[in-house]
Amino acid sequence: MSKATAPDLRIDDRMIVAAALDRILYDDPDHFAADDARTVRRLIPHSRSAWLRLGFRAERQGPSMKGEAAGIGDVRMEGDKKVVEGSVGEAATWRCGQYKITNHGSDLEIWQVMSDEYAPEPKGARLEFDDRGEPERLTFFQPRDIELRIPFTSLAVGVRLGGWQPWKMVAEGSVAAG
C-alpha cells in the first residue's frame, strides 16, 4: 500500500475514524452499526486507484555454508534473506490509529498497521457499500498461496491470490454507539 499522508485529515477526525473502526471490527461478532460505517466513509477522502492493482514481494535466501565445528559437530549457517516489495496502481492510504484505510468509493479497505497482503497472517478487512452508498457488509482478507516449482532447479515461485470472505452484515436499524 502507498504511504500517502493526509495533510487535510485532522487528528480529531483520525481519532473518530479509529474509534468507529474499533466498534465495527470488535463490538459484535456478526453485525456492525451503519452509522459507524457512514462516519468512516464520510471522513476518509476518496482516492482514485488504477483499474489494475498489483503488488509483489520477492524473497531470496543468500548463500549458506555448512561444515563441522570442533566440539559441536555439523553446523549450517544460512545466508541473509533479501526481500523486495512493491506495488502498482495503489490508491492513497490514510493512517488512523492502528489502521491504514483506503476509500475506493464503493468500499473502504482497512488494514492493521503492521499487516498487509504479504504478512503470514494478514489482517485486512473491506467495508462494502451498495449502489445507494449505504453500508452493506464487512469482509476479511483470506489469501490463497500457490507455489510453483521450476523443474530441475531448486527455484520456486510463490503466488498469493487475494480473496475476500464474508464476515459481518450491517445491523438492522443500527445507530452508532456513543
C-alpha atoms as a PDB file:
ATOM      1  CA  MET A   1       0.000   0.000   0.000  1.00  0.00           C
ATOM      2  CA  SER A   2       1.191   3.520  -0.652  1.00  0.00           C
ATOM      3  CA  LYS A   3       2.428   5.705   2.181  1.00  0.00           C
ATOM      4  CA  ALA A   4       0.355   8.822   1.464  1.00  0.00           C
ATOM      5  CA  THR A   5      -0.253  11.111   4.405  1.00  0.00           C
ATOM      6  CA  ALA A   6      -3.305  13.250   4.863  1.00  0.00           C
ATOM      7  CA  PRO A   7      -2.477  16.924   5.397  1.00  0.00           C
ATOM      8  CA  ASP A   8      -6.205  17.771   5.451  1.00  0.00           C
ATOM      9  CA  LEU A   9      -7.311  14.897   7.716  1.00  0.00           C
ATOM     10  CA  ARG A  10      -7.220  16.386  11.222  1.00  0.00           C
ATOM     11  CA  ILE A  11      -6.080  14.420  14.257  1.00  0.00           C
ATOM     12  CA  ASP A  12      -9.617  14.669  15.701  1.00  0.00           C
ATOM     13  CA  ASP A  13     -11.023  13.046  12.554  1.00  0.00           C
ATOM     14  CA  ARG A  14      -8.400  10.311  12.716  1.00  0.00           C
ATOM     15  CA  MET A  15      -9.390   9.530  16.307  1.00  0.00           C
ATOM     16  CA  ILE A  16     -13.088   9.413  15.382  1.00  0.00           C
ATOM     17  CA  VAL A  17     -12.308   7.030  12.493  1.00  0.00           C
ATOM     18  CA  ALA A  18     -10.145   4.776  14.710  1.00  0.00           C
ATOM     19  CA  ALA A  19     -12.876   4.584  17.380  1.00  0.00           C
ATOM     20  CA  ALA A  20     -15.589   3.816  14.787  1.00  0.00           C
ATOM     21  CA  LEU A  21     -13.414   1.091  13.234  1.00  0.00           C
ATOM     22  CA  ASP A  22     -12.783  -0.438  16.671  1.00  0.00           C
ATOM     23  CA  ARG A  23     -16.558  -0.690  17.167  1.00  0.00           C
ATOM     24  CA  ILE A  24     -17.144  -2.044  13.633  1.00  0.00           C
ATOM     25  CA  LEU A  25     -14.453  -4.711  13.935  1.00  0.00           C
ATOM     26  CA  TYR A  26     -14.665  -5.733  17.592  1.00  0.00           C
ATOM     27  CA  ASP A  27     -18.034  -4.879  19.241  1.00  0.00           C
ATOM     28  CA  ASP A  28     -20.290  -7.584  17.758  1.00  0.00           C
ATOM     29  CA  PRO A  29     -19.115 -10.800  16.086  1.00  0.00           C
ATOM     30  CA  ASP A  30     -21.899 -10.779  13.447  1.00  0.00           C
ATOM     31  CA  HIS A  31     -23.039  -7.158  12.878  1.00  0.00           C
ATOM     32  CA  PHE A  32     -21.822  -3.562  12.788  1.00  0.00           C
ATOM     33  CA  ALA A  33     -23.566  -0.189  13.086  1.00  0.00           C
ATOM     34  CA  ALA A  34     -24.401   1.521   9.803  1.00  0.00           C
ATOM     35  CA  ASP A  35     -23.759   4.978  11.330  1.00  0.00           C
ATOM     36  CA  ASP A  36     -20.171   3.997  12.203  1.00  0.00           C
ATOM     37  CA  ALA A  37     -19.581   2.854   8.612  1.00  0.00           C
ATOM     38  CA  ARG A  38     -21.092   6.070   7.220  1.00  0.00           C
ATOM     39  CA  THR A  39     -18.886   8.154   9.541  1.00  0.00           C
ATOM     40  CA  VAL A  40     -15.706   6.419   8.401  1.00  0.00           C
ATOM     41  CA  ARG A  41     -16.655   6.764   4.735  1.00  0.00           C
ATOM     42  CA  ARG A  42     -17.511  10.467   5.174  1.00  0.00           C
ATOM     43  CA  LEU A  43     -14.221  11.298   6.917  1.00  0.00           C
ATOM     44  CA  ILE A  44     -11.774   9.302   4.752  1.00  0.00           C
ATOM     45  CA  PRO A  45     -11.208  11.140   1.443  1.00  0.00           C
ATOM     46  CA  HIS A  46     -11.979   9.208  -1.720  1.00  0.00           C
ATOM     47  CA  SER A  47      -8.834   8.389  -3.691  1.00  0.00           C
ATOM     48  CA  ARG A  48      -8.570   7.221  -7.237  1.00  0.00           C
ATOM     49  CA  SER A  49      -6.989   3.893  -7.948  1.00  0.00           C
ATOM     50  CA  ALA A  50      -5.972   2.388 -11.246  1.00  0.00           C
ATOM     51  CA  TRP A  51      -8.201  -0.165 -12.950  1.00  0.00           C
ATOM     52  CA  LEU A  52      -5.486  -2.748 -12.228  1.00  0.00           C
ATOM     53  CA  ARG A  53      -3.763  -3.030  -8.872  1.00  0.00           C
ATOM     54  CA  LEU A  54      -0.827  -5.372  -8.460  1.00  0.00           C
ATOM     55  CA  GLY A  55       1.541  -5.944  -5.586  1.00  0.00           C
ATOM     56  CA  PHE A  56       4.617  -8.094  -5.440  1.00  0.00           C
ATOM     57  CA  ARG A  57       7.064  -9.445  -2.920  1.00  0.00           C
ATOM     58  CA  ALA A  58      10.252 -11.267  -3.831  1.00  0.00           C
ATOM     59  CA  GLU A  59      12.411 -13.130  -1.331  1.00  0.00           C
ATOM     60  CA  ARG A  60      15.817 -14.559  -1.944  1.00  0.00           C
ATOM     61  CA  GLN A  61      17.918 -16.507   0.504  1.00  0.00           C
ATOM     62  CA  GLY A  62      21.621 -15.686   0.442  1.00  0.00           C
ATOM     63  CA  PRO A  63      24.266 -18.395   0.182  1.00  0.00           C
ATOM     64  CA  SER A  64      24.540 -20.867   3.029  1.00  0.00           C
ATOM     65  CA  MET A  65      27.567 -22.667   4.426  1.00  0.00           C
ATOM     66  CA  LYS A  66      27.874 -25.965   6.192  1.00  0.00           C
ATOM     67  CA  GLY A  67      30.748 -27.584   7.916  1.00  0.00           C
ATOM     68  CA  GLU A  68      31.925 -29.108  11.133  1.00  0.00           C
ATOM     69  CA  ALA A  69      32.740 -27.221  14.325  1.00  0.00           C
ATOM     70  CA  ALA A  70      35.069 -28.623  16.964  1.00  0.00           C
ATOM     71  CA  GLY A  71      33.132 -29.896  19.943  1.00  0.00           C
ATOM     72  CA  ILE A  72      29.779 -29.180  18.277  1.00  0.00           C
ATOM     73  CA  GLY A  73      29.586 -31.347  15.190  1.00  0.00           C
ATOM     74  CA  ASP A  74      27.802 -30.498  11.949  1.00  0.00           C
ATOM     75  CA  VAL A  75      26.753 -26.863  11.595  1.00  0.00           C
ATOM     76  CA  ARG A  76      24.933 -24.951   8.912  1.00  0.00           C
ATOM     77  CA  MET A  77      24.805 -21.162   8.548  1.00  0.00           C
ATOM     78  CA  GLU A  78      22.055 -19.674   6.423  1.00  0.00           C
ATOM     79  CA  GLY A  79      22.707 -16.548   4.375  1.00  0.00           C
ATOM     80  CA  ASP A  80      20.704 -13.377   4.849  1.00  0.00           C
ATOM     81  CA  LYS A  81      17.222 -13.229   3.346  1.00  0.00           C
ATOM     82  CA  LYS A  82      16.684 -10.365   0.907  1.00  0.00           C
ATOM     83  CA  VAL A  83      13.152  -9.047   0.439  1.00  0.00           C
ATOM     84  CA  VAL A  84      11.887  -6.651  -2.234  1.00  0.00           C
ATOM     85  CA  GLU A  85       8.287  -5.374  -2.208  1.00  0.00           C
ATOM     86  CA  GLY A  86       6.379  -3.060  -4.475  1.00  0.00           C
ATOM     87  CA  SER A  87       3.020  -2.234  -5.930  1.00  0.00           C
ATOM     88  CA  VAL A  88       1.457  -0.638  -8.963  1.00  0.00           C
ATOM     89  CA  GLY A  89      -1.856   1.207  -9.163  1.00  0.00           C
ATOM     90  CA  GLU A  90      -2.373   1.649  -5.424  1.00  0.00           C
ATOM     91  CA  ALA A  91      -4.550   4.472  -4.101  1.00  0.00           C
ATOM     92  CA  ALA A  92      -3.674   6.818  -1.225  1.00  0.00           C
ATOM     93  CA  THR A  93      -3.764   5.249   2.227  1.00  0.00           C
ATOM     94  CA  TRP A  94      -4.761   7.157   5.370  1.00  0.00           C
ATOM     95  CA  ARG A  95      -3.404   6.266   8.827  1.00  0.00           C
ATOM     96  CA  CYS A  96      -5.903   6.427  11.711  1.00  0.00           C
ATOM     97  CA  GLY A  97      -4.820   4.832  14.984  1.00  0.00           C
ATOM     98  CA  GLN A  98      -3.898   1.200  14.395  1.00  0.00           C
ATOM     99  CA  TYR A  99      -5.463   1.213  10.909  1.00  0.00           C
ATOM    100  CA  LYS A 100      -4.499   2.054   7.320  1.00  0.00           C
ATOM    101  CA  ILE A 101      -7.595   2.929   5.276  1.00  0.00           C
ATOM    102  CA  THR A 102      -8.197   3.457   1.567  1.00  0.00           C
ATOM    103  CA  ASN A 103     -11.525   4.804   0.282  1.00  0.00           C
ATOM    104  CA  HIS A 104     -12.204   3.344  -3.177  1.00  0.00           C
ATOM    105  CA  GLY A 105     -15.739   4.762  -3.308  1.00  0.00           C
ATOM    106  CA  SER A 106     -17.687   1.504  -3.299  1.00  0.00           C
ATOM    107  CA  ASP A 107     -15.608   0.106  -0.443  1.00  0.00           C
ATOM    108  CA  LEU A 108     -13.147   1.028   2.278  1.00  0.00           C
ATOM    109  CA  GLU A 109     -10.088  -1.211   2.532  1.00  0.00           C
ATOM    110  CA  ILE A 110      -8.821  -1.477   6.107  1.00  0.00           C
ATOM    111  CA  TRP A 111      -5.514  -2.972   7.277  1.00  0.00           C
ATOM    112  CA  GLN A 112      -3.897  -3.117  10.665  1.00  0.00           C
ATOM    113  CA  VAL A 113      -0.738  -1.003  10.600  1.00  0.00           C
ATOM    114  CA  MET A 114       1.772  -3.847  10.988  1.00  0.00           C
ATOM    115  CA  SER A 115      -0.026  -6.080   8.491  1.00  0.00           C
ATOM    116  CA  ASP A 116      -0.529  -6.203   4.733  1.00  0.00           C
ATOM    117  CA  GLU A 117      -1.343  -8.680   1.969  1.00  0.00           C
ATOM    118  CA  TYR A 118       2.064 -10.340   2.345  1.00  0.00           C
ATOM    119  CA  ALA A 119       2.021 -10.917   6.116  1.00  0.00           C
ATOM    120  CA  PRO A 120       1.998 -14.562   7.246  1.00  0.00           C
ATOM    121  CA  GLU A 121      -1.407 -13.892   8.853  1.00  0.00           C
ATOM    122  CA  PRO A 122      -2.770 -10.807   7.062  1.00  0.00           C
ATOM    123  CA  LYS A 123      -5.256  -8.667   8.992  1.00  0.00           C
ATOM    124  CA  GLY A 124      -7.303  -6.840   6.397  1.00  0.00           C
ATOM    125  CA  ALA A 125     -10.993  -6.087   6.019  1.00  0.00           C
ATOM    126  CA  ARG A 126     -13.189  -4.433   3.419  1.00  0.00           C
ATOM    127  CA  LEU A 127     -16.237  -2.378   4.357  1.00  0.00           C
ATOM    128  CA  GLU A 128     -18.570  -2.607   1.357  1.00  0.00           C
ATOM    129  CA  PHE A 129     -21.368  -0.224   0.344  1.00  0.00           C
ATOM    130  CA  ASP A 130     -24.326  -0.745  -2.017  1.00  0.00           C
ATOM    131  CA  ASP A 131     -25.199   1.370  -5.100  1.00  0.00           C
ATOM    132  CA  ARG A 132     -27.039   3.935  -2.920  1.00  0.00           C
ATOM    133  CA  GLY A 133     -23.938   4.409  -0.744  1.00  0.00           C
ATOM    134  CA  GLU A 134     -25.385   2.533   2.228  1.00  0.00           C
ATOM    135  CA  PRO A 135     -23.174   0.147   4.244  1.00  0.00           C
ATOM    136  CA  GLU A 136     -23.820  -3.453   3.330  1.00  0.00           C
ATOM    137  CA  ARG A 137     -21.264  -5.881   4.716  1.00  0.00           C
ATOM    138  CA  LEU A 138     -17.769  -6.412   6.065  1.00  0.00           C
ATOM    139  CA  THR A 139     -15.437  -8.975   4.516  1.00  0.00           C
ATOM    140  CA  PHE A 140     -11.992 -10.160   5.592  1.00  0.00           C
ATOM    141  CA  PHE A 141      -8.877 -10.879   3.523  1.00  0.00           C
ATOM    142  CA  GLN A 142      -8.227 -14.585   3.027  1.00  0.00           C
ATOM    143  CA  PRO A 143      -5.165 -15.288   0.860  1.00  0.00           C
ATOM    144  CA  ARG A 144      -4.599 -18.383  -1.231  1.00  0.00           C
ATOM    145  CA  ASP A 145      -0.934 -19.258  -1.635  1.00  0.00           C
ATOM    146  CA  ILE A 146       0.362 -21.252  -4.576  1.00  0.00           C
ATOM    147  CA  GLU A 147       3.953 -22.414  -5.002  1.00  0.00           C
ATOM    148  CA  LEU A 148       5.271 -23.285  -8.442  1.00  0.00           C
ATOM    149  CA  ARG A 149       8.492 -25.314  -8.521  1.00  0.00           C
ATOM    150  CA  ILE A 150      10.755 -24.948 -11.519  1.00  0.00           C
ATOM    151  CA  PRO A 151      11.773 -28.449 -12.670  1.00  0.00           C
ATOM    152  CA  PHE A 152      15.446 -29.478 -12.425  1.00  0.00           C
ATOM    153  CA  THR A 153      16.305 -26.446 -10.247  1.00  0.00           C
ATOM    154  CA  SER A 154      15.976 -25.511  -6.611  1.00  0.00           C
ATOM    155  CA  LEU A 155      13.882 -22.473  -7.545  1.00  0.00           C
ATOM    156  CA  ALA A 156      10.263 -21.939  -6.611  1.00  0.00           C
ATOM    157  CA  VAL A 157       7.872 -19.104  -7.347  1.00  0.00           C
ATOM    158  CA  GLY A 158       5.174 -18.300  -4.813  1.00  0.00           C
ATOM    159  CA  VAL A 159       1.959 -16.577  -5.833  1.00  0.00           C
ATOM    160  CA  ARG A 160      -0.519 -15.131  -3.333  1.00  0.00           C
ATOM    161  CA  LEU A 161      -4.019 -14.632  -4.646  1.00  0.00           C
ATOM    162  CA  GLY A 162      -6.194 -12.395  -2.541  1.00  0.00           C
ATOM    163  CA  GLY A 163      -9.786 -13.113  -1.789  1.00  0.00           C
ATOM    164  CA  TRP A 164     -12.401 -11.503   0.429  1.00  0.00           C
ATOM    165  CA  GLN A 165     -14.620 -13.753   2.555  1.00  0.00           C
ATOM    166  CA  PRO A 166     -17.916 -12.739   4.248  1.00  0.00           C
ATOM    167  CA  TRP A 167     -17.593 -11.689   7.895  1.00  0.00           C
ATOM    168  CA  LYS A 168     -20.338  -9.339   9.181  1.00  0.00           C
ATOM    169  CA  MET A 169     -23.532  -7.706   7.976  1.00  0.00           C
ATOM    170  CA  VAL A 170     -24.853  -4.244   8.806  1.00  0.00           C
ATOM    171  CA  ALA A 171     -27.177  -4.284  11.828  1.00  0.00           C
ATOM    172  CA  GLU A 172     -30.817  -3.538  11.003  1.00  0.00           C
ATOM    173  CA  GLY A 173     -31.852  -0.111  12.302  1.00  0.00           C
ATOM    174  CA  SER A 174     -28.407   0.386  13.856  1.00  0.00           C
ATOM    175  CA  VAL A 175     -27.201   3.607  15.405  1.00  0.00           C
ATOM    176  CA  ALA A 176     -23.631   4.496  16.327  1.00  0.00           C
ATOM    177  CA  ALA A 177     -22.722   3.918  19.961  1.00  0.00           C
ATOM    178  CA  GLY A 178     -21.522   6.981  21.830  1.00  0.00           C
END
